[in-house]
Structure formats: C-alpha cells, structure tokens
PDB file of N, CA and C in Angstrom:
ATOM      1  N   MET A   1      69.745 102.805  93.775  1.00  0.00           N
ATOM      2  CA  MET A   1      70.235 103.702  94.796  1.00  0.00           C
ATOM      3  C   MET A   1      71.761 103.782  94.771  1.00  0.00           C
ATOM      4  N   ARG A   2      72.432 102.662  94.496  1.00  0.00           N
ATOM      5  CA  ARG A   2      73.896 102.656  94.432  1.00  0.00           C
ATOM      6  C   ARG A   2      74.394 103.614  93.360  1.00  0.00           C
ATOM      7  N   ARG A   3      73.684 103.645  92.214  1.00  0.00           N
ATOM      8  CA  ARG A   3      74.079 104.526  91.122  1.00  0.00           C
ATOM      9  C   ARG A   3      73.984 105.987  91.556  1.00  0.00           C
ATOM     10  N   VAL A   4      72.918 106.341  92.251  1.00  0.00           N
ATOM     11  CA  VAL A   4      72.743 107.715  92.722  1.00  0.00           C
ATOM     12  C   VAL A   4      73.822 108.066  93.734  1.00  0.00           C
ATOM     13  N   ARG A   5      74.082 107.171  94.687  1.00  0.00           N
ATOM     14  CA  ARG A   5      75.083 107.457  95.715  1.00  0.00           C
ATOM     15  C   ARG A   5      76.468 107.626  95.116  1.00  0.00           C
ATOM     16  N   GLY A   6      76.795 106.862  94.117  1.00  0.00           N
ATOM     17  CA  GLY A   6      78.135 106.950  93.548  1.00  0.00           C
ATOM     18  C   GLY A   6      78.319 108.100  92.589  1.00  0.00           C
ATOM     19  N   ALA A   7      77.329 108.317  91.726  1.00  0.00           N
ATOM     20  CA  ALA A   7      77.484 109.320  90.679  1.00  0.00           C
ATOM     21  C   ALA A   7      76.996 110.702  91.094  1.00  0.00           C
ATOM     22  N   ASP A   8      75.917 110.748  91.859  1.00  0.00           N
ATOM     23  CA  ASP A   8      75.315 112.034  92.175  1.00  0.00           C
ATOM     24  C   ASP A   8      75.658 112.561  93.564  1.00  0.00           C
ATOM     25  N   LEU A   9      75.830 111.667  94.512  1.00  0.00           N
ATOM     26  CA  LEU A   9      76.021 112.103  95.883  1.00  0.00           C
ATOM     27  C   LEU A   9      76.995 111.187  96.609  1.00  0.00           C
ATOM     28  N   ALA A  10      77.890 111.788  97.357  1.00  0.00           N
ATOM     29  CA  ALA A  10      78.812 111.025  98.206  1.00  0.00           C
ATOM     30  C   ALA A  10      78.732 111.605  99.609  1.00  0.00           C
ATOM     31  N   MET A  11      78.854 110.734 100.595  1.00  0.00           N
ATOM     32  CA  MET A  11      78.800 111.181 101.990  1.00  0.00           C
ATOM     33  C   MET A  11      80.123 110.893 102.680  1.00  0.00           C
ATOM     34  N   ILE A  12      80.512 111.813 103.530  1.00  0.00           N
ATOM     35  CA  ILE A  12      81.708 111.631 104.350  1.00  0.00           C
ATOM     36  C   ILE A  12      81.238 111.680 105.800  1.00  0.00           C
ATOM     37  N   PHE A  13      81.284 110.554 106.471  1.00  0.00           N
ATOM     38  CA  PHE A  13      80.802 110.482 107.841  1.00  0.00           C
ATOM     39  C   PHE A  13      81.853 111.009 108.816  1.00  0.00           C
ATOM     40  N   GLN A  14      81.397 111.535 109.935  1.00  0.00           N
ATOM     41  CA  GLN A  14      82.281 112.140 110.924  1.00  0.00           C
ATOM     42  C   GLN A  14      83.224 111.140 111.579  1.00  0.00           C
ATOM     43  N   GLU A  15      82.794 109.907 111.753  1.00  0.00           N
ATOM     44  CA  GLU A  15      83.637 108.899 112.397  1.00  0.00           C
ATOM     45  C   GLU A  15      83.970 107.798 111.393  1.00  0.00           C
ATOM     46  N   PRO A  16      85.091 107.940 110.684  1.00  0.00           N
ATOM     47  CA  PRO A  16      85.432 106.977 109.643  1.00  0.00           C
ATOM     48  C   PRO A  16      85.695 105.570 110.164  1.00  0.00           C
ATOM     49  N   MET A  17      86.040 105.422 111.435  1.00  0.00           N
ATOM     50  CA  MET A  17      86.328 104.085 111.957  1.00  0.00           C
ATOM     51  C   MET A  17      85.094 103.195 111.900  1.00  0.00           C
ATOM     52  N   THR A  18      83.907 103.787 111.985  1.00  0.00           N
ATOM     53  CA  THR A  18      82.688 102.992 111.887  1.00  0.00           C
ATOM     54  C   THR A  18      82.260 102.792 110.436  1.00  0.00           C
ATOM     55  N   SER A  19      82.827 103.555 109.518  1.00  0.00           N
ATOM     56  CA  SER A  19      82.469 103.440 108.105  1.00  0.00           C
ATOM     57  C   SER A  19      83.431 102.559 107.322  1.00  0.00           C
ATOM     58  N   LEU A  20      84.668 102.487 107.756  1.00  0.00           N
ATOM     59  CA  LEU A  20      85.664 101.658 107.077  1.00  0.00           C
ATOM     60  C   LEU A  20      85.610 100.239 107.630  1.00  0.00           C
ATOM     61  N   ASN A  21      85.767  99.278 106.754  1.00  0.00           N
ATOM     62  CA  ASN A  21      85.732  97.876 107.155  1.00  0.00           C
ATOM     63  C   ASN A  21      87.098  97.482 107.721  1.00  0.00           C
ATOM     64  N   PRO A  22      87.155  97.016 108.971  1.00  0.00           N
ATOM     65  CA  PRO A  22      88.444  96.691 109.588  1.00  0.00           C
ATOM     66  C   PRO A  22      89.130  95.463 108.991  1.00  0.00           C
ATOM     67  N   VAL A  23      88.412  94.687 108.200  1.00  0.00           N
ATOM     68  CA  VAL A  23      88.944  93.446 107.637  1.00  0.00           C
ATOM     69  C   VAL A  23      89.703  93.686 106.333  1.00  0.00           C
ATOM     70  N   PHE A  24      89.404  94.787 105.653  1.00  0.00           N
ATOM     71  CA  PHE A  24      90.012  95.066 104.355  1.00  0.00           C
ATOM     72  C   PHE A  24      90.973  96.246 104.447  1.00  0.00           C
ATOM     73  N   THR A  25      91.998  96.217 103.595  1.00  0.00           N
ATOM     74  CA  THR A  25      92.956  97.318 103.565  1.00  0.00           C
ATOM     75  C   THR A  25      92.295  98.569 102.987  1.00  0.00           C
ATOM     76  N   ILE A  26      92.951  99.686 103.228  1.00  0.00           N
ATOM     77  CA  ILE A  26      92.477 100.960 102.687  1.00  0.00           C
ATOM     78  C   ILE A  26      92.412 100.885 101.160  1.00  0.00           C
ATOM     79  N   GLY A  27      93.449 100.336 100.554  1.00  0.00           N
ATOM     80  CA  GLY A  27      93.483 100.214  99.096  1.00  0.00           C
ATOM     81  C   GLY A  27      92.345  99.373  98.559  1.00  0.00           C
ATOM     82  N   GLU A  28      92.052  98.257  99.218  1.00  0.00           N
ATOM     83  CA  GLU A  28      90.958  97.389  98.777  1.00  0.00           C
ATOM     84  C   GLU A  28      89.618  98.115  98.846  1.00  0.00           C
ATOM     85  N   GLN A  29      89.432  98.909  99.882  1.00  0.00           N
ATOM     86  CA  GLN A  29      88.153  99.590 100.053  1.00  0.00           C
ATOM     87  C   GLN A  29      87.945 100.702  99.034  1.00  0.00           C
ATOM     88  N   ILE A  30      88.975 101.468  98.757  1.00  0.00           N
ATOM     89  CA  ILE A  30      88.847 102.516  97.740  1.00  0.00           C
ATOM     90  C   ILE A  30      88.705 101.878  96.365  1.00  0.00           C
ATOM     91  N   ALA A  31      89.496 100.847  96.100  1.00  0.00           N
ATOM     92  CA  ALA A  31      89.438 100.175  94.798  1.00  0.00           C
ATOM     93  C   ALA A  31      88.069  99.549  94.557  1.00  0.00           C
ATOM     94  N   GLU A  32      87.453  98.997  95.601  1.00  0.00           N
ATOM     95  CA  GLU A  32      86.121  98.403  95.442  1.00  0.00           C
ATOM     96  C   GLU A  32      85.119  99.452  94.979  1.00  0.00           C
ATOM     97  N   SER A  33      85.191 100.620  95.570  1.00  0.00           N
ATOM     98  CA  SER A  33      84.302 101.706  95.175  1.00  0.00           C
ATOM     99  C   SER A  33      84.522 102.087  93.710  1.00  0.00           C
ATOM    100  N   LEU A  34      85.774 102.146  93.299  1.00  0.00           N
ATOM    101  CA  LEU A  34      86.099 102.482  91.909  1.00  0.00           C
ATOM    102  C   LEU A  34      85.639 101.392  90.946  1.00  0.00           C
ATOM    103  N   ARG A  35      85.777 100.144  91.336  1.00  0.00           N
ATOM    104  CA  ARG A  35      85.325  99.046  90.471  1.00  0.00           C
ATOM    105  C   ARG A  35      83.809  99.073  90.313  1.00  0.00           C
ATOM    106  N   LEU A  36      83.097  99.308  91.404  1.00  0.00           N
ATOM    107  CA  LEU A  36      81.634  99.321  91.354  1.00  0.00           C
ATOM    108  C   LEU A  36      81.086 100.495  90.558  1.00  0.00           C
ATOM    109  N   HIS A  37      81.638 101.676  90.768  1.00  0.00           N
ATOM    110  CA  HIS A  37      81.053 102.881  90.187  1.00  0.00           C
ATOM    111  C   HIS A  37      81.674 103.310  88.862  1.00  0.00           C
ATOM    112  N   GLN A  38      82.911 102.901  88.603  1.00  0.00           N
ATOM    113  CA  GLN A  38      83.550 103.304  87.352  1.00  0.00           C
ATOM    114  C   GLN A  38      83.872 102.128  86.448  1.00  0.00           C
ATOM    115  N   GLY A  39      83.642 100.916  86.922  1.00  0.00           N
ATOM    116  CA  GLY A  39      83.878  99.740  86.094  1.00  0.00           C
ATOM    117  C   GLY A  39      85.344  99.442  85.832  1.00  0.00           C
ATOM    118  N   LEU A  40      86.229  99.881  86.716  1.00  0.00           N
ATOM    119  CA  LEU A  40      87.659  99.640  86.531  1.00  0.00           C
ATOM    120  C   LEU A  40      88.027  98.216  86.920  1.00  0.00           C
ATOM    121  N   GLY A  41      89.089  97.706  86.321  1.00  0.00           N
ATOM    122  CA  GLY A  41      89.643  96.419  86.720  1.00  0.00           C
ATOM    123  C   GLY A  41      90.406  96.574  88.023  1.00  0.00           C
ATOM    124  N   ARG A  42      90.794  95.456  88.629  1.00  0.00           N
ATOM    125  CA  ARG A  42      91.431  95.480  89.949  1.00  0.00           C
ATOM    126  C   ARG A  42      92.711  96.321  89.974  1.00  0.00           C
ATOM    127  N   GLU A  43      93.626  96.058  89.058  1.00  0.00           N
ATOM    128  CA  GLU A  43      94.907  96.786  89.054  1.00  0.00           C
ATOM    129  C   GLU A  43      94.717  98.270  88.741  1.00  0.00           C
ATOM    130  N   GLU A  44      93.861  98.546  87.778  1.00  0.00           N
ATOM    131  CA  GLU A  44      93.595  99.940  87.422  1.00  0.00           C
ATOM    132  C   GLU A  44      92.940 100.680  88.598  1.00  0.00           C
ATOM    133  N   ALA A  45      92.053  99.998  89.307  1.00  0.00           N
ATOM    134  CA  ALA A  45      91.394 100.597  90.472  1.00  0.00           C
ATOM    135  C   ALA A  45      92.400 100.876  91.585  1.00  0.00           C
ATOM    136  N   LEU A  46      93.356  99.985  91.795  1.00  0.00           N
ATOM    137  CA  LEU A  46      94.379 100.214  92.821  1.00  0.00           C
ATOM    138  C   LEU A  46      95.278 101.394  92.457  1.00  0.00           C
ATOM    139  N   ARG A  47      95.610 101.527  91.173  1.00  0.00           N
ATOM    140  CA  ARG A  47      96.399 102.687  90.738  1.00  0.00           C
ATOM    141  C   ARG A  47      95.614 103.984  90.957  1.00  0.00           C
ATOM    142  N   ALA A  48      94.330 103.941  90.627  1.00  0.00           N
ATOM    143  CA  ALA A  48      93.480 105.116  90.831  1.00  0.00           C
ATOM    144  C   ALA A  48      93.330 105.422  92.322  1.00  0.00           C
ATOM    145  N   ALA A  49      93.263 104.392  93.153  1.00  0.00           N
ATOM    146  CA  ALA A  49      93.170 104.579  94.607  1.00  0.00           C
ATOM    147  C   ALA A  49      94.412 105.295  95.123  1.00  0.00           C
ATOM    148  N   LYS A  50      95.566 104.925  94.617  1.00  0.00           N
ATOM    149  CA  LYS A  50      96.808 105.590  95.023  1.00  0.00           C
ATOM    150  C   LYS A  50      96.777 107.067  94.628  1.00  0.00           C
ATOM    151  N   ARG A  51      96.284 107.355  93.423  1.00  0.00           N
ATOM    152  CA  ARG A  51      96.173 108.750  92.975  1.00  0.00           C
ATOM    153  C   ARG A  51      95.227 109.543  93.881  1.00  0.00           C
ATOM    154  N   MET A  52      94.141 108.897  94.303  1.00  0.00           N
ATOM    155  CA  MET A  52      93.194 109.574  95.188  1.00  0.00           C
ATOM    156  C   MET A  52      93.842 109.892  96.536  1.00  0.00           C
ATOM    157  N   LEU A  53      94.628 108.959  97.059  1.00  0.00           N
ATOM    158  CA  LEU A  53      95.325 109.222  98.325  1.00  0.00           C
ATOM    159  C   LEU A  53      96.330 110.358  98.161  1.00  0.00           C
ATOM    160  N   ASP A  54      96.989 110.409  97.005  1.00  0.00           N
ATOM    161  CA  ASP A  54      97.899 111.525  96.719  1.00  0.00           C
ATOM    162  C   ASP A  54      97.136 112.851  96.706  1.00  0.00           C
ATOM    163  N   GLN A  55      95.948 112.850  96.106  1.00  0.00           N
ATOM    164  CA  GLN A  55      95.160 114.083  95.994  1.00  0.00           C
ATOM    165  C   GLN A  55      94.734 114.633  97.346  1.00  0.00           C
ATOM    166  N   VAL A  56      94.479 113.751  98.304  1.00  0.00           N
ATOM    167  CA  VAL A  56      94.087 114.228  99.641  1.00  0.00           C
ATOM    168  C   VAL A  56      95.305 114.364 100.551  1.00  0.00           C
ATOM    169  N   ARG A  57      96.476 114.328  99.933  1.00  0.00           N
ATOM    170  CA  ARG A  57      97.762 114.569 100.601  1.00  0.00           C
ATOM    171  C   ARG A  57      98.073 113.595 101.732  1.00  0.00           C
ATOM    172  N   ILE A  58      97.837 112.331 101.453  1.00  0.00           N
ATOM    173  CA  ILE A  58      98.262 111.305 102.398  1.00  0.00           C
ATOM    174  C   ILE A  58      99.697 110.948 102.043  1.00  0.00           C
ATOM    175  N   PRO A  59     100.626 111.140 102.973  1.00  0.00           N
ATOM    176  CA  PRO A  59     102.025 110.825 102.675  1.00  0.00           C
ATOM    177  C   PRO A  59     102.224 109.329 102.479  1.00  0.00           C
ATOM    178  N   GLN A  60     103.174 108.993 101.636  1.00  0.00           N
ATOM    179  CA  GLN A  60     103.499 107.588 101.355  1.00  0.00           C
ATOM    180  C   GLN A  60     102.251 106.809 100.944  1.00  0.00           C
ATOM    181  N   ALA A  61     101.530 107.360  99.975  1.00  0.00           N
ATOM    182  CA  ALA A  61     100.251 106.793  99.547  1.00  0.00           C
ATOM    183  C   ALA A  61     100.373 105.333  99.135  1.00  0.00           C
ATOM    184  N   GLU A  62     101.444 104.984  98.449  1.00  0.00           N
ATOM    185  CA  GLU A  62     101.634 103.594  98.006  1.00  0.00           C
ATOM    186  C   GLU A  62     101.641 102.648  99.206  1.00  0.00           C
ATOM    187  N   GLU A  63     102.344 103.040 100.245  1.00  0.00           N
ATOM    188  CA  GLU A  63     102.422 102.221 101.456  1.00  0.00           C
ATOM    189  C   GLU A  63     101.078 102.174 102.188  1.00  0.00           C
ATOM    190  N   MET A  64     100.360 103.277 102.179  1.00  0.00           N
ATOM    191  CA  MET A  64      99.073 103.352 102.885  1.00  0.00           C
ATOM    192  C   MET A  64      98.020 102.429 102.285  1.00  0.00           C
ATOM    193  N   LEU A  65      98.152 102.117 101.005  1.00  0.00           N
ATOM    194  CA  LEU A  65      97.183 101.226 100.366  1.00  0.00           C
ATOM    195  C   LEU A  65      97.099  99.871 101.062  1.00  0.00           C
ATOM    196  N   SER A  66      98.198  99.422 101.631  1.00  0.00           N
ATOM    197  CA  SER A  66      98.220  98.094 102.251  1.00  0.00           C
ATOM    198  C   SER A  66      97.942  98.132 103.757  1.00  0.00           C
ATOM    199  N   ARG A  67      97.625  99.287 104.272  1.00  0.00           N
ATOM    200  CA  ARG A  67      97.335  99.407 105.709  1.00  0.00           C
ATOM    201  C   ARG A  67      95.846  99.198 105.982  1.00  0.00           C
ATOM    202  N   TYR A  68      95.575  98.806 107.209  1.00  0.00           N
ATOM    203  CA  TYR A  68      94.200  98.622 107.672  1.00  0.00           C
ATOM    204  C   TYR A  68      93.759  99.876 108.420  1.00  0.00           C
ATOM    205  N   PRO A  69      92.451 100.132 108.500  1.00  0.00           N
ATOM    206  CA  PRO A  69      91.977 101.365 109.136  1.00  0.00           C
ATOM    207  C   PRO A  69      92.543 101.616 110.530  1.00  0.00           C
ATOM    208  N   HIS A  70      92.672 100.585 111.352  1.00  0.00           N
ATOM    209  CA  HIS A  70      93.156 100.788 112.721  1.00  0.00           C
ATOM    210  C   HIS A  70      94.627 101.214 112.766  1.00  0.00           C
ATOM    211  N   GLN A  71      95.333 101.091 111.645  1.00  0.00           N
ATOM    212  CA  GLN A  71      96.738 101.468 111.597  1.00  0.00           C
ATOM    213  C   GLN A  71      96.941 102.943 111.243  1.00  0.00           C
ATOM    214  N   LEU A  72      95.866 103.661 110.976  1.00  0.00           N
ATOM    215  CA  LEU A  72      95.941 105.070 110.603  1.00  0.00           C
ATOM    216  C   LEU A  72      95.392 105.936 111.730  1.00  0.00           C
ATOM    217  N   SER A  73      95.860 107.161 111.787  1.00  0.00           N
ATOM    218  CA  SER A  73      95.323 108.114 112.763  1.00  0.00           C
ATOM    219  C   SER A  73      93.910 108.512 112.340  1.00  0.00           C
ATOM    220  N   GLY A  74      93.198 109.147 113.248  1.00  0.00           N
ATOM    221  CA  GLY A  74      91.844 109.597 112.933  1.00  0.00           C
ATOM    222  C   GLY A  74      91.808 110.554 111.755  1.00  0.00           C
ATOM    223  N   GLY A  75      92.776 111.469 111.702  1.00  0.00           N
ATOM    224  CA  GLY A  75      92.840 112.413 110.592  1.00  0.00           C
ATOM    225  C   GLY A  75      93.111 111.734 109.261  1.00  0.00           C
ATOM    226  N   MET A  76      93.974 110.738 109.270  1.00  0.00           N
ATOM    227  CA  MET A  76      94.272 110.000 108.038  1.00  0.00           C
ATOM    228  C   MET A  76      93.056 109.186 107.591  1.00  0.00           C
ATOM    229  N   ARG A  77      92.331 108.612 108.542  1.00  0.00           N
ATOM    230  CA  ARG A  77      91.114 107.868 108.182  1.00  0.00           C
ATOM    231  C   ARG A  77      90.087 108.807 107.554  1.00  0.00           C
ATOM    232  N   THR A  78      89.996 110.021 108.074  1.00  0.00           N
ATOM    233  CA  THR A  78      89.075 110.995 107.484  1.00  0.00           C
ATOM    234  C   THR A  78      89.490 111.318 106.056  1.00  0.00           C
ATOM    235  N   ARG A  79      90.778 111.473 105.826  1.00  0.00           N
ATOM    236  CA  ARG A  79      91.265 111.729 104.462  1.00  0.00           C
ATOM    237  C   ARG A  79      90.952 110.558 103.536  1.00  0.00           C
ATOM    238  N   VAL A  80      91.056 109.348 104.057  1.00  0.00           N
ATOM    239  CA  VAL A  80      90.710 108.165 103.257  1.00  0.00           C
ATOM    240  C   VAL A  80      89.240 108.230 102.856  1.00  0.00           C
ATOM    241  N   MET A  81      88.376 108.600 103.794  1.00  0.00           N
ATOM    242  CA  MET A  81      86.950 108.706 103.487  1.00  0.00           C
ATOM    243  C   MET A  81      86.691 109.794 102.446  1.00  0.00           C
ATOM    244  N   ILE A  82      87.421 110.889 102.526  1.00  0.00           N
ATOM    245  CA  ILE A  82      87.287 111.952 101.529  1.00  0.00           C
ATOM    246  C   ILE A  82      87.731 111.431 100.166  1.00  0.00           C
ATOM    247  N   ALA A  83      88.858 110.733 100.128  1.00  0.00           N
ATOM    248  CA  ALA A  83      89.347 110.159  98.870  1.00  0.00           C
ATOM    249  C   ALA A  83      88.324 109.193  98.291  1.00  0.00           C
ATOM    250  N   MET A  84      87.740 108.361  99.146  1.00  0.00           N
ATOM    251  CA  MET A  84      86.753 107.393  98.683  1.00  0.00           C
ATOM    252  C   MET A  84      85.517 108.103  98.126  1.00  0.00           C
ATOM    253  N   ALA A  85      85.075 109.150  98.811  1.00  0.00           N
ATOM    254  CA  ALA A  85      83.904 109.896  98.350  1.00  0.00           C
ATOM    255  C   ALA A  85      84.171 110.579  97.013  1.00  0.00           C
ATOM    256  N   LEU A  86      85.350 111.164  96.870  1.00  0.00           N
ATOM    257  CA  LEU A  86      85.674 111.883  95.638  1.00  0.00           C
ATOM    258  C   LEU A  86      86.047 110.960  94.486  1.00  0.00           C
ATOM    259  N   SER A  87      86.400 109.728  94.782  1.00  0.00           N
ATOM    260  CA  SER A  87      86.853 108.804  93.738  1.00  0.00           C
ATOM    261  C   SER A  87      85.778 108.517  92.700  1.00  0.00           C
ATOM    262  N   CYS A  88      84.523 108.647  93.073  1.00  0.00           N
ATOM    263  CA  CYS A  88      83.430 108.377  92.129  1.00  0.00           C
ATOM    264  C   CYS A  88      82.984 109.624  91.385  1.00  0.00           C
ATOM    265  N   ARG A  89      83.676 110.726  91.626  1.00  0.00           N
ATOM    266  CA  ARG A  89      83.378 111.998  90.967  1.00  0.00           C
ATOM    267  C   ARG A  89      81.906 112.394  91.126  1.00  0.00           C
ATOM    268  N   PRO A  90      81.439 112.506  92.361  1.00  0.00           N
ATOM    269  CA  PRO A  90      80.028 112.841  92.569  1.00  0.00           C
ATOM    270  C   PRO A  90      79.736 114.300  92.234  1.00  0.00           C
ATOM    271  N   ALA A  91      78.471 114.580  91.962  1.00  0.00           N
ATOM    272  CA  ALA A  91      78.052 115.955  91.709  1.00  0.00           C
ATOM    273  C   ALA A  91      78.037 116.758  93.002  1.00  0.00           C
ATOM    274  N   GLY A  92      77.826 116.068  94.133  1.00  0.00           N
ATOM    275  CA  GLY A  92      77.787 116.745  95.423  1.00  0.00           C
ATOM    276  C   GLY A  92      78.347 115.863  96.516  1.00  0.00           C
ATOM    277  N   VAL A  93      78.824 116.500  97.591  1.00  0.00           N
ATOM    278  CA  VAL A  93      79.377 115.775  98.735  1.00  0.00           C
ATOM    279  C   VAL A  93      78.690 116.302  99.984  1.00  0.00           C
ATOM    280  N   ASP A  94      78.275 115.388 100.852  1.00  0.00           N
ATOM    281  CA  ASP A  94      77.623 115.750 102.107  1.00  0.00           C
ATOM    282  C   ASP A  94      78.492 115.270 103.256  1.00  0.00           C
ATOM    283  N   SER A  95      78.792 116.162 104.172  1.00  0.00           N
ATOM    284  CA  SER A  95      79.588 115.807 105.344  1.00  0.00           C
ATOM    285  C   SER A  95      78.670 115.713 106.545  1.00  0.00           C
ATOM    286  N   ARG A  96      78.548 114.515 107.089  1.00  0.00           N
ATOM    287  CA  ARG A  96      77.646 114.291 108.238  1.00  0.00           C
ATOM    288  C   ARG A  96      78.464 114.078 109.456  1.00  0.00           C
TER     289      ARG A  96
END
C-alpha cells in the first residue's frame, strides 16, 4: 500500500496540523517521504526537500526546513503538505 500511495496517489488533507508530526521538523518530514519513496540518502533528501519548498513558493525555504509545524501559518503548513505530496511524483493527487 505504501508503494501505491507514494508512486500512484498522494493526498493533501484539509487540516495539515493533524497530518504533520509536531515532534519533527518540516525538513525531516519531507525528507523521510523522499527517503522512503525515492530511496534518497539523508543529505540528498534534505536538498530535495528544500527544492520542493521552493517549488511551492515558501519563502526562505532553507530556514523553513528547521521549523516545526506549529511555527508556520496555516497557509504555509498547507504548502508543506502540497510539497510533501508532490515530492514522490505521484500520478494523481487527491485533496480531501
């Protein structure tokens, strides 16, 4: 199921605060997804995470990687979820 969710389908939930883990930084969470689904190493995944934040137009993406979900506005958290969903290059995206 993980393979299908990462490669074929990605979901973006309406309330990202319940989907993002408050214990891990934004960068760690996006990088984990990249490591699991694309087989990237830690440093390469963090670089790719920064590129994803740039793509969804999060300002100061490098700095945002070290922030926790509660430190971002609701709109920025939504952009993080979009970046995370698109990072695995899914065939389709579902917004719930």
